[in-house]
Amino acid sequence: MPPPARAGTVSAGAARERRAIRGVAGFEAAKGLLVLLTGSGVLLLAHHDLHALAARLVAHLHLNPAAHMPLVFVEAAGRLGDLRLAWLAAGAAAYSAARLLEAWGLWHQRAWAEWLAAGSGAIYVPFEIAGLWHRPGALGAALLLLNLAVVALMLMALQRRRRG
């Protein structure tokens, strides 16, 4: 039988859980920063000839501009206007703020952040399952398992919080 924990000490299981939650916080912060940088890049493209820029990128990558995917990319870039770019950048900023706020809350062991992480992770599960159903693959399966692990971790942390 293990010795009883002293007041103010953290059990090994709770310490592992905290490290795991901080790992999730770091991942969420990285996602938030990546989307913030991407959104900033989108804003920098405003007032530029995106069609010409996309055509130069396709040529630089030595892709056939008449092939389906490069052609779709070039045509889509030509249809993006400044207003659409602004909306994309605003959406990226909102998503980034949510991820960074969640990361801060998880790092500082806030219950609301654990709820947010569990809920936002659970939202994706049906879509990931549908994706695996239509296109089975190792990456999709790994993402589903990782997402389920995060949801389970957050639910365990919330359960521990209720007991303690």
N, C-alpha and C. Protein backbone atom coordinates (compact mmCIF):
# COMPACT_ATOMS: atom_id res chain seq x y z
N MET A 1 0.85 -1.17 0.00
CA MET A 1 0.00 0.00 0.00
C MET A 1 0.89 1.24 0.00
N PRO A 2 0.67 2.18 -0.96
CA PRO A 2 1.53 3.36 -1.02
C PRO A 2 1.27 4.28 0.16
N PRO A 3 2.30 5.03 0.55
CA PRO A 3 2.10 5.96 1.68
C PRO A 3 1.11 7.07 1.27
N PRO A 4 0.36 7.59 2.23
CA PRO A 4 -0.60 8.65 1.90
C PRO A 4 0.12 9.91 1.44
N ALA A 5 -0.50 10.62 0.50
CA ALA A 5 0.09 11.85 -0.01
C ALA A 5 -0.03 12.94 1.05
N ARG A 6 1.05 13.73 1.16
CA ARG A 6 1.02 14.85 2.10
C ARG A 6 0.25 16.01 1.50
N ALA A 7 -0.27 16.86 2.36
CA ALA A 7 -1.00 18.04 1.88
C ALA A 7 -0.06 18.88 1.01
N GLY A 8 -0.56 19.33 -0.13
CA GLY A 8 0.23 20.17 -1.01
C GLY A 8 1.05 19.40 -2.03
N THR A 9 1.12 18.07 -1.90
CA THR A 9 1.87 17.29 -2.88
C THR A 9 0.93 16.81 -3.96
N VAL A 10 1.51 16.50 -5.09
CA VAL A 10 0.73 16.06 -6.24
C VAL A 10 1.10 14.61 -6.52
N SER A 11 0.11 13.76 -6.74
CA SER A 11 0.38 12.36 -7.03
C SER A 11 1.06 12.24 -8.38
N ALA A 12 1.69 11.11 -8.61
CA ALA A 12 2.38 10.88 -9.89
C ALA A 12 1.40 10.92 -11.05
N GLY A 13 0.20 10.35 -10.84
CA GLY A 13 -0.81 10.36 -11.89
C GLY A 13 -1.27 11.78 -12.23
N ALA A 14 -1.46 12.60 -11.20
CA ALA A 14 -1.88 13.99 -11.42
C ALA A 14 -0.76 14.78 -12.11
N ALA A 15 0.49 14.47 -11.76
CA ALA A 15 1.61 15.17 -12.40
C ALA A 15 1.69 14.80 -13.88
N ARG A 16 1.48 13.50 -14.20
CA ARG A 16 1.48 13.08 -15.61
C ARG A 16 0.34 13.75 -16.37
N GLU A 17 -0.83 13.81 -15.72
CA GLU A 17 -1.99 14.45 -16.35
C GLU A 17 -1.70 15.92 -16.63
N ARG A 18 -1.08 16.59 -15.67
CA ARG A 18 -0.76 18.02 -15.86
C ARG A 18 0.22 18.21 -17.01
N ARG A 19 1.24 17.34 -17.09
CA ARG A 19 2.20 17.44 -18.21
C ARG A 19 1.51 17.19 -19.54
N ALA A 20 0.60 16.23 -19.57
CA ALA A 20 -0.14 15.95 -20.81
C ALA A 20 -1.01 17.14 -21.20
N ILE A 21 -1.67 17.73 -20.23
CA ILE A 21 -2.51 18.90 -20.52
C ILE A 21 -1.65 20.06 -21.00
N ARG A 22 -0.48 20.23 -20.41
CA ARG A 22 0.42 21.28 -20.89
C ARG A 22 0.93 20.98 -22.30
N GLY A 23 1.07 19.71 -22.63
CA GLY A 23 1.42 19.35 -24.00
C GLY A 23 0.33 19.73 -24.97
N VAL A 24 -0.92 19.49 -24.57
CA VAL A 24 -2.07 19.90 -25.40
C VAL A 24 -2.09 21.42 -25.51
N ALA A 25 -1.79 22.11 -24.41
CA ALA A 25 -1.76 23.58 -24.43
C ALA A 25 -0.71 24.07 -25.43
N GLY A 26 0.45 23.45 -25.43
CA GLY A 26 1.50 23.83 -26.38
C GLY A 26 1.08 23.59 -27.81
N PHE A 27 0.41 22.48 -28.06
CA PHE A 27 -0.07 22.17 -29.41
C PHE A 27 -1.12 23.18 -29.85
N GLU A 28 -2.05 23.52 -28.95
CA GLU A 28 -3.08 24.51 -29.29
C GLU A 28 -2.46 25.87 -29.55
N ALA A 29 -1.46 26.24 -28.76
CA ALA A 29 -0.78 27.52 -28.98
C ALA A 29 -0.07 27.52 -30.33
N ALA A 30 0.55 26.40 -30.68
CA ALA A 30 1.23 26.31 -31.99
C ALA A 30 0.22 26.45 -33.12
N LYS A 31 -0.94 25.79 -33.00
CA LYS A 31 -1.99 25.93 -34.02
C LYS A 31 -2.44 27.38 -34.12
N GLY A 32 -2.65 28.02 -32.98
CA GLY A 32 -3.09 29.41 -32.98
C GLY A 32 -2.08 30.33 -33.64
N LEU A 33 -0.80 30.14 -33.33
CA LEU A 33 0.24 30.98 -33.93
C LEU A 33 0.37 30.72 -35.42
N LEU A 34 0.27 29.46 -35.84
CA LEU A 34 0.36 29.13 -37.26
C LEU A 34 -0.77 29.79 -38.04
N VAL A 35 -1.99 29.72 -37.51
CA VAL A 35 -3.13 30.33 -38.20
C VAL A 35 -3.00 31.86 -38.18
N LEU A 36 -2.48 32.42 -37.08
CA LEU A 36 -2.27 33.86 -37.01
C LEU A 36 -1.28 34.31 -38.08
N LEU A 37 -0.19 33.57 -38.22
CA LEU A 37 0.79 33.91 -39.26
C LEU A 37 0.20 33.75 -40.65
N THR A 38 -0.58 32.70 -40.85
CA THR A 38 -1.21 32.49 -42.15
C THR A 38 -2.20 33.61 -42.45
N GLY A 39 -3.01 33.98 -41.48
CA GLY A 39 -3.96 35.07 -41.67
C GLY A 39 -3.26 36.39 -41.96
N SER A 40 -2.14 36.62 -41.30
CA SER A 40 -1.36 37.83 -41.58
C SER A 40 -0.82 37.80 -43.00
N GLY A 41 -0.39 36.64 -43.44
CA GLY A 41 0.08 36.50 -44.82
C GLY A 41 -1.02 36.76 -45.82
N VAL A 42 -2.24 36.31 -45.49
CA VAL A 42 -3.38 36.55 -46.38
C VAL A 42 -3.63 38.05 -46.49
N LEU A 43 -3.55 38.76 -45.36
CA LEU A 43 -3.76 40.21 -45.41
C LEU A 43 -2.69 40.92 -46.24
N LEU A 44 -1.47 40.41 -46.19
CA LEU A 44 -0.40 41.01 -46.99
C LEU A 44 -0.66 40.87 -48.49
N LEU A 45 -1.47 39.88 -48.86
CA LEU A 45 -1.76 39.67 -50.28
C LEU A 45 -2.83 40.60 -50.82
N ALA A 46 -3.52 41.30 -49.91
CA ALA A 46 -4.56 42.23 -50.36
C ALA A 46 -3.93 43.28 -51.26
N HIS A 47 -4.66 43.73 -52.23
CA HIS A 47 -4.24 44.75 -53.19
C HIS A 47 -3.14 44.26 -54.12
N HIS A 48 -2.97 42.97 -54.26
CA HIS A 48 -2.00 42.41 -55.20
C HIS A 48 -2.77 41.64 -56.27
N ASP A 49 -2.14 41.45 -57.40
CA ASP A 49 -2.75 40.65 -58.48
C ASP A 49 -2.51 39.19 -58.12
N LEU A 50 -3.49 38.59 -57.45
CA LEU A 50 -3.34 37.22 -56.96
C LEU A 50 -3.28 36.21 -58.10
N HIS A 51 -3.97 36.49 -59.19
CA HIS A 51 -3.93 35.60 -60.34
C HIS A 51 -2.51 35.49 -60.87
N ALA A 52 -1.85 36.63 -61.04
CA ALA A 52 -0.47 36.64 -61.53
C ALA A 52 0.47 35.99 -60.51
N LEU A 53 0.24 36.26 -59.24
CA LEU A 53 1.07 35.67 -58.19
C LEU A 53 0.94 34.15 -58.17
N ALA A 54 -0.29 33.64 -58.31
CA ALA A 54 -0.53 32.19 -58.34
C ALA A 54 0.10 31.57 -59.57
N ALA A 55 0.00 32.25 -60.71
CA ALA A 55 0.61 31.73 -61.95
C ALA A 55 2.13 31.66 -61.80
N ARG A 56 2.73 32.67 -61.17
CA ARG A 56 4.19 32.65 -60.95
C ARG A 56 4.57 31.51 -60.02
N LEU A 57 3.77 31.26 -58.98
CA LEU A 57 4.05 30.17 -58.05
C LEU A 57 3.98 28.82 -58.76
N VAL A 58 2.97 28.63 -59.60
CA VAL A 58 2.83 27.38 -60.35
C VAL A 58 4.04 27.19 -61.27
N ALA A 59 4.47 28.27 -61.93
CA ALA A 59 5.64 28.18 -62.82
C ALA A 59 6.91 27.90 -62.02
N HIS A 60 7.05 28.54 -60.86
CA HIS A 60 8.24 28.34 -60.02
C HIS A 60 8.34 26.89 -59.54
N LEU A 61 7.20 26.27 -59.27
CA LEU A 61 7.19 24.88 -58.81
C LEU A 61 7.25 23.88 -59.97
N HIS A 62 7.39 24.40 -61.18
CA HIS A 62 7.49 23.57 -62.39
C HIS A 62 6.28 22.66 -62.56
N LEU A 63 5.11 23.21 -62.24
CA LEU A 63 3.86 22.46 -62.43
C LEU A 63 3.28 22.82 -63.79
N ASN A 64 2.54 21.91 -64.35
CA ASN A 64 1.89 22.15 -65.64
C ASN A 64 0.68 23.06 -65.38
N PRO A 65 0.69 24.31 -65.87
CA PRO A 65 -0.42 25.22 -65.59
C PRO A 65 -1.73 24.79 -66.23
N ALA A 66 -1.67 23.87 -67.19
CA ALA A 66 -2.90 23.38 -67.83
C ALA A 66 -3.48 22.17 -67.10
N ALA A 67 -2.71 21.59 -66.15
CA ALA A 67 -3.21 20.45 -65.39
C ALA A 67 -4.33 20.91 -64.46
N HIS A 68 -5.16 19.98 -64.05
CA HIS A 68 -6.37 20.32 -63.30
C HIS A 68 -6.09 21.10 -62.02
N MET A 69 -5.29 20.57 -61.11
CA MET A 69 -5.10 21.20 -59.80
C MET A 69 -4.41 22.56 -59.91
N PRO A 70 -3.31 22.70 -60.65
CA PRO A 70 -2.72 24.03 -60.77
C PRO A 70 -3.69 25.03 -61.41
N LEU A 71 -4.47 24.58 -62.37
CA LEU A 71 -5.42 25.46 -63.04
C LEU A 71 -6.51 25.92 -62.06
N VAL A 72 -7.02 25.00 -61.25
CA VAL A 72 -8.02 25.35 -60.25
C VAL A 72 -7.44 26.35 -59.26
N PHE A 73 -6.20 26.14 -58.83
CA PHE A 73 -5.53 27.04 -57.88
C PHE A 73 -5.40 28.44 -58.47
N VAL A 74 -4.93 28.54 -59.70
CA VAL A 74 -4.73 29.84 -60.34
C VAL A 74 -6.07 30.55 -60.53
N GLU A 75 -7.09 29.82 -60.98
CA GLU A 75 -8.40 30.44 -61.19
C GLU A 75 -9.03 30.89 -59.87
N ALA A 76 -8.89 30.09 -58.82
CA ALA A 76 -9.45 30.46 -57.52
C ALA A 76 -8.75 31.71 -56.97
N ALA A 77 -7.45 31.78 -57.15
CA ALA A 77 -6.71 32.96 -56.69
C ALA A 77 -7.17 34.20 -57.43
N GLY A 78 -7.48 34.06 -58.69
CA GLY A 78 -7.95 35.20 -59.47
C GLY A 78 -9.31 35.70 -59.03
N ARG A 79 -10.12 34.85 -58.42
CA ARG A 79 -11.46 35.24 -57.98
C ARG A 79 -11.49 35.81 -56.56
N LEU A 80 -10.38 35.71 -55.85
CA LEU A 80 -10.37 36.23 -54.48
C LEU A 80 -10.24 37.75 -54.52
N GLY A 81 -11.18 38.44 -53.94
CA GLY A 81 -11.11 39.89 -53.87
C GLY A 81 -10.63 40.33 -52.50
N ASP A 82 -10.42 41.63 -52.35
CA ASP A 82 -9.93 42.17 -51.08
C ASP A 82 -10.91 41.91 -49.94
N LEU A 83 -12.22 41.98 -50.22
CA LEU A 83 -13.20 41.75 -49.17
C LEU A 83 -13.15 40.30 -48.69
N ARG A 84 -13.03 39.36 -49.61
CA ARG A 84 -12.92 37.95 -49.22
C ARG A 84 -11.64 37.70 -48.42
N LEU A 85 -10.55 38.33 -48.85
CA LEU A 85 -9.30 38.18 -48.11
C LEU A 85 -9.44 38.74 -46.70
N ALA A 86 -10.12 39.86 -46.57
CA ALA A 86 -10.33 40.46 -45.25
C ALA A 86 -11.15 39.52 -44.37
N TRP A 87 -12.20 38.89 -44.94
CA TRP A 87 -13.01 37.94 -44.17
C TRP A 87 -12.19 36.71 -43.78
N LEU A 88 -11.36 36.23 -44.70
CA LEU A 88 -10.49 35.10 -44.37
C LEU A 88 -9.53 35.45 -43.24
N ALA A 89 -8.95 36.64 -43.32
CA ALA A 89 -8.03 37.09 -42.27
C ALA A 89 -8.75 37.26 -40.94
N ALA A 90 -9.98 37.79 -40.97
CA ALA A 90 -10.76 37.95 -39.73
C ALA A 90 -11.10 36.59 -39.12
N GLY A 91 -11.48 35.65 -39.97
CA GLY A 91 -11.75 34.30 -39.47
C GLY A 91 -10.51 33.66 -38.88
N ALA A 92 -9.37 33.86 -39.53
CA ALA A 92 -8.11 33.32 -39.00
C ALA A 92 -7.77 33.96 -37.66
N ALA A 93 -8.01 35.26 -37.54
CA ALA A 93 -7.73 35.95 -36.27
C ALA A 93 -8.63 35.43 -35.16
N ALA A 94 -9.91 35.21 -35.45
CA ALA A 94 -10.84 34.71 -34.44
C ALA A 94 -10.45 33.29 -34.00
N TYR A 95 -10.15 32.44 -34.98
CA TYR A 95 -9.73 31.07 -34.67
C TYR A 95 -8.46 31.09 -33.83
N SER A 96 -7.52 31.92 -34.25
CA SER A 96 -6.23 32.01 -33.55
C SER A 96 -6.44 32.48 -32.11
N ALA A 97 -7.28 33.49 -31.93
CA ALA A 97 -7.55 33.99 -30.57
C ALA A 97 -8.16 32.89 -29.70
N ALA A 98 -9.08 32.12 -30.26
CA ALA A 98 -9.71 31.03 -29.50
C ALA A 98 -8.67 29.98 -29.11
N ARG A 99 -7.80 29.59 -30.04
CA ARG A 99 -6.79 28.57 -29.74
C ARG A 99 -5.80 29.09 -28.70
N LEU A 100 -5.36 30.34 -28.82
CA LEU A 100 -4.40 30.90 -27.87
C LEU A 100 -5.02 31.07 -26.49
N LEU A 101 -6.28 31.47 -26.44
CA LEU A 101 -6.97 31.59 -25.16
C LEU A 101 -7.12 30.21 -24.50
N GLU A 102 -7.49 29.22 -25.31
CA GLU A 102 -7.61 27.86 -24.79
C GLU A 102 -6.25 27.37 -24.27
N ALA A 103 -5.19 27.64 -25.01
CA ALA A 103 -3.85 27.22 -24.59
C ALA A 103 -3.48 27.87 -23.26
N TRP A 104 -3.76 29.16 -23.12
CA TRP A 104 -3.45 29.85 -21.87
C TRP A 104 -4.22 29.22 -20.71
N GLY A 105 -5.52 28.98 -20.93
CA GLY A 105 -6.34 28.39 -19.88
C GLY A 105 -5.88 26.99 -19.49
N LEU A 106 -5.51 26.19 -20.48
CA LEU A 106 -5.02 24.83 -20.17
C LEU A 106 -3.70 24.90 -19.40
N TRP A 107 -2.82 25.78 -19.83
CA TRP A 107 -1.52 25.91 -19.16
C TRP A 107 -1.70 26.29 -17.70
N HIS A 108 -2.70 27.13 -17.43
CA HIS A 108 -2.94 27.62 -16.07
C HIS A 108 -4.03 26.82 -15.35
N GLN A 109 -4.34 25.64 -15.86
CA GLN A 109 -5.25 24.69 -15.22
C GLN A 109 -6.64 25.27 -14.93
N ARG A 110 -7.21 25.93 -15.89
CA ARG A 110 -8.55 26.49 -15.74
C ARG A 110 -9.58 25.47 -16.22
N ALA A 111 -10.63 25.29 -15.43
CA ALA A 111 -11.67 24.31 -15.77
C ALA A 111 -12.36 24.68 -17.08
N TRP A 112 -12.62 25.97 -17.31
CA TRP A 112 -13.31 26.38 -18.53
C TRP A 112 -12.50 25.97 -19.76
N ALA A 113 -11.17 25.99 -19.66
CA ALA A 113 -10.33 25.61 -20.80
C ALA A 113 -10.41 24.10 -21.04
N GLU A 114 -10.51 23.33 -19.96
CA GLU A 114 -10.67 21.89 -20.11
C GLU A 114 -12.01 21.57 -20.78
N TRP A 115 -13.06 22.28 -20.38
CA TRP A 115 -14.36 22.11 -21.04
C TRP A 115 -14.28 22.49 -22.51
N LEU A 116 -13.64 23.62 -22.78
CA LEU A 116 -13.50 24.09 -24.16
C LEU A 116 -12.71 23.08 -25.00
N ALA A 117 -11.62 22.57 -24.46
CA ALA A 117 -10.80 21.60 -25.19
C ALA A 117 -11.57 20.31 -25.44
N ALA A 118 -12.30 19.84 -24.44
CA ALA A 118 -13.09 18.62 -24.61
C ALA A 118 -14.18 18.82 -25.66
N GLY A 119 -14.87 19.94 -25.58
CA GLY A 119 -15.94 20.22 -26.53
C GLY A 119 -15.44 20.45 -27.94
N SER A 120 -14.40 21.25 -28.07
CA SER A 120 -13.90 21.54 -29.43
C SER A 120 -13.27 20.30 -30.05
N GLY A 121 -12.70 19.45 -29.24
CA GLY A 121 -12.16 18.20 -29.78
C GLY A 121 -13.26 17.22 -30.17
N ALA A 122 -14.30 17.16 -29.35
CA ALA A 122 -15.41 16.23 -29.62
C ALA A 122 -16.19 16.62 -30.87
N ILE A 123 -16.23 17.90 -31.18
CA ILE A 123 -16.95 18.36 -32.37
C ILE A 123 -16.38 17.72 -33.63
N TYR A 124 -15.08 17.52 -33.68
CA TYR A 124 -14.43 17.01 -34.89
C TYR A 124 -14.56 15.49 -35.06
N VAL A 125 -14.88 14.77 -33.99
CA VAL A 125 -14.89 13.30 -34.05
C VAL A 125 -15.82 12.76 -35.14
N PRO A 126 -17.07 13.21 -35.24
CA PRO A 126 -17.92 12.66 -36.31
C PRO A 126 -17.37 12.92 -37.72
N PHE A 127 -16.77 14.09 -37.91
CA PHE A 127 -16.20 14.41 -39.22
C PHE A 127 -14.97 13.54 -39.52
N GLU A 128 -14.17 13.28 -38.48
CA GLU A 128 -13.01 12.41 -38.67
C GLU A 128 -13.44 10.98 -38.97
N ILE A 129 -14.49 10.51 -38.31
CA ILE A 129 -15.00 9.16 -38.57
C ILE A 129 -15.54 9.08 -39.99
N ALA A 130 -16.30 10.10 -40.40
CA ALA A 130 -16.82 10.13 -41.78
C ALA A 130 -15.68 10.16 -42.79
N GLY A 131 -14.65 10.92 -42.48
CA GLY A 131 -13.49 10.97 -43.37
C GLY A 131 -12.82 9.62 -43.50
N LEU A 132 -12.70 8.92 -42.38
CA LEU A 132 -12.11 7.58 -42.41
C LEU A 132 -13.00 6.60 -43.16
N TRP A 133 -14.30 6.77 -43.04
CA TRP A 133 -15.24 5.89 -43.73
C TRP A 133 -15.07 6.02 -45.25
N HIS A 134 -14.93 7.25 -45.70
CA HIS A 134 -14.83 7.50 -47.14
C HIS A 134 -13.41 7.33 -47.68
N ARG A 135 -12.42 7.65 -46.87
CA ARG A 135 -11.02 7.54 -47.29
C ARG A 135 -10.19 6.99 -46.14
N PRO A 136 -10.19 5.69 -45.96
CA PRO A 136 -9.41 5.12 -44.86
C PRO A 136 -7.91 5.38 -45.08
N GLY A 137 -7.25 5.67 -43.99
CA GLY A 137 -5.81 5.89 -44.08
C GLY A 137 -5.20 6.00 -42.70
N ALA A 138 -3.91 5.81 -42.64
CA ALA A 138 -3.19 5.84 -41.36
C ALA A 138 -3.23 7.23 -40.74
N LEU A 139 -3.08 8.27 -41.55
CA LEU A 139 -3.08 9.63 -41.01
C LEU A 139 -4.44 9.98 -40.40
N GLY A 140 -5.52 9.66 -41.10
CA GLY A 140 -6.85 9.92 -40.57
C GLY A 140 -7.11 9.16 -39.29
N ALA A 141 -6.67 7.90 -39.25
CA ALA A 141 -6.85 7.09 -38.04
C ALA A 141 -6.03 7.66 -36.88
N ALA A 142 -4.81 8.08 -37.17
CA ALA A 142 -3.95 8.66 -36.13
C ALA A 142 -4.55 9.95 -35.58
N LEU A 143 -5.08 10.79 -36.47
CA LEU A 143 -5.70 12.04 -36.02
C LEU A 143 -6.93 11.78 -35.18
N LEU A 144 -7.73 10.80 -35.58
CA LEU A 144 -8.91 10.45 -34.80
C LEU A 144 -8.51 9.96 -33.41
N LEU A 145 -7.52 9.07 -33.35
CA LEU A 145 -7.07 8.55 -32.06
C LEU A 145 -6.48 9.65 -31.18
N LEU A 146 -5.70 10.53 -31.78
CA LEU A 146 -5.12 11.64 -31.02
C LEU A 146 -6.21 12.55 -30.48
N ASN A 147 -7.19 12.85 -31.31
CA ASN A 147 -8.29 13.70 -30.88
C ASN A 147 -9.10 13.03 -29.77
N LEU A 148 -9.37 11.75 -29.90
CA LEU A 148 -10.08 11.03 -28.85
C LEU A 148 -9.28 11.00 -27.55
N ALA A 149 -7.96 10.90 -27.65
CA ALA A 149 -7.11 10.91 -26.47
C ALA A 149 -7.17 12.27 -25.76
N VAL A 150 -7.19 13.34 -26.54
CA VAL A 150 -7.28 14.68 -25.95
C VAL A 150 -8.63 14.84 -25.25
N VAL A 151 -9.70 14.43 -25.90
CA VAL A 151 -11.03 14.52 -25.29
C VAL A 151 -11.07 13.70 -24.00
N ALA A 152 -10.54 12.48 -24.03
CA ALA A 152 -10.52 11.63 -22.83
C ALA A 152 -9.70 12.28 -21.72
N LEU A 153 -8.54 12.84 -22.06
CA LEU A 153 -7.70 13.51 -21.07
C LEU A 153 -8.44 14.65 -20.40
N MET A 154 -9.12 15.45 -21.20
CA MET A 154 -9.86 16.59 -20.64
C MET A 154 -11.01 16.12 -19.76
N LEU A 155 -11.71 15.07 -20.18
CA LEU A 155 -12.81 14.54 -19.36
C LEU A 155 -12.29 13.96 -18.04
N MET A 156 -11.13 13.31 -18.09
CA MET A 156 -10.53 12.78 -16.85
C MET A 156 -10.14 13.93 -15.93
N ALA A 157 -9.57 15.00 -16.50
CA ALA A 157 -9.18 16.15 -15.68
C ALA A 157 -10.41 16.80 -15.05
N LEU A 158 -11.47 16.89 -15.81
CA LEU A 158 -12.70 17.48 -15.26
C LEU A 158 -13.30 16.58 -14.17
N GLN A 159 -13.23 15.26 -14.38
CA GLN A 159 -13.72 14.31 -13.37
C GLN A 159 -12.88 14.43 -12.09
N ARG A 160 -11.56 14.53 -12.23
CA ARG A 160 -10.68 14.69 -11.08
C ARG A 160 -11.03 15.98 -10.33
N ARG A 161 -11.31 17.01 -11.08
CA ARG A 161 -11.66 18.30 -10.50
C ARG A 161 -12.95 18.19 -9.66
N ARG A 162 -13.92 17.43 -10.18
CA ARG A 162 -15.19 17.24 -9.46
C ARG A 162 -14.99 16.47 -8.15
N ARG A 163 -14.09 15.48 -8.19
CA ARG A 163 -13.85 14.67 -6.99
C ARG A 163 -13.04 15.41 -5.95
N GLY A 164 -12.11 16.26 -6.43
CA GLY A 164 -11.13 16.84 -5.52
C GLY A 164 -11.46 18.15 -5.00
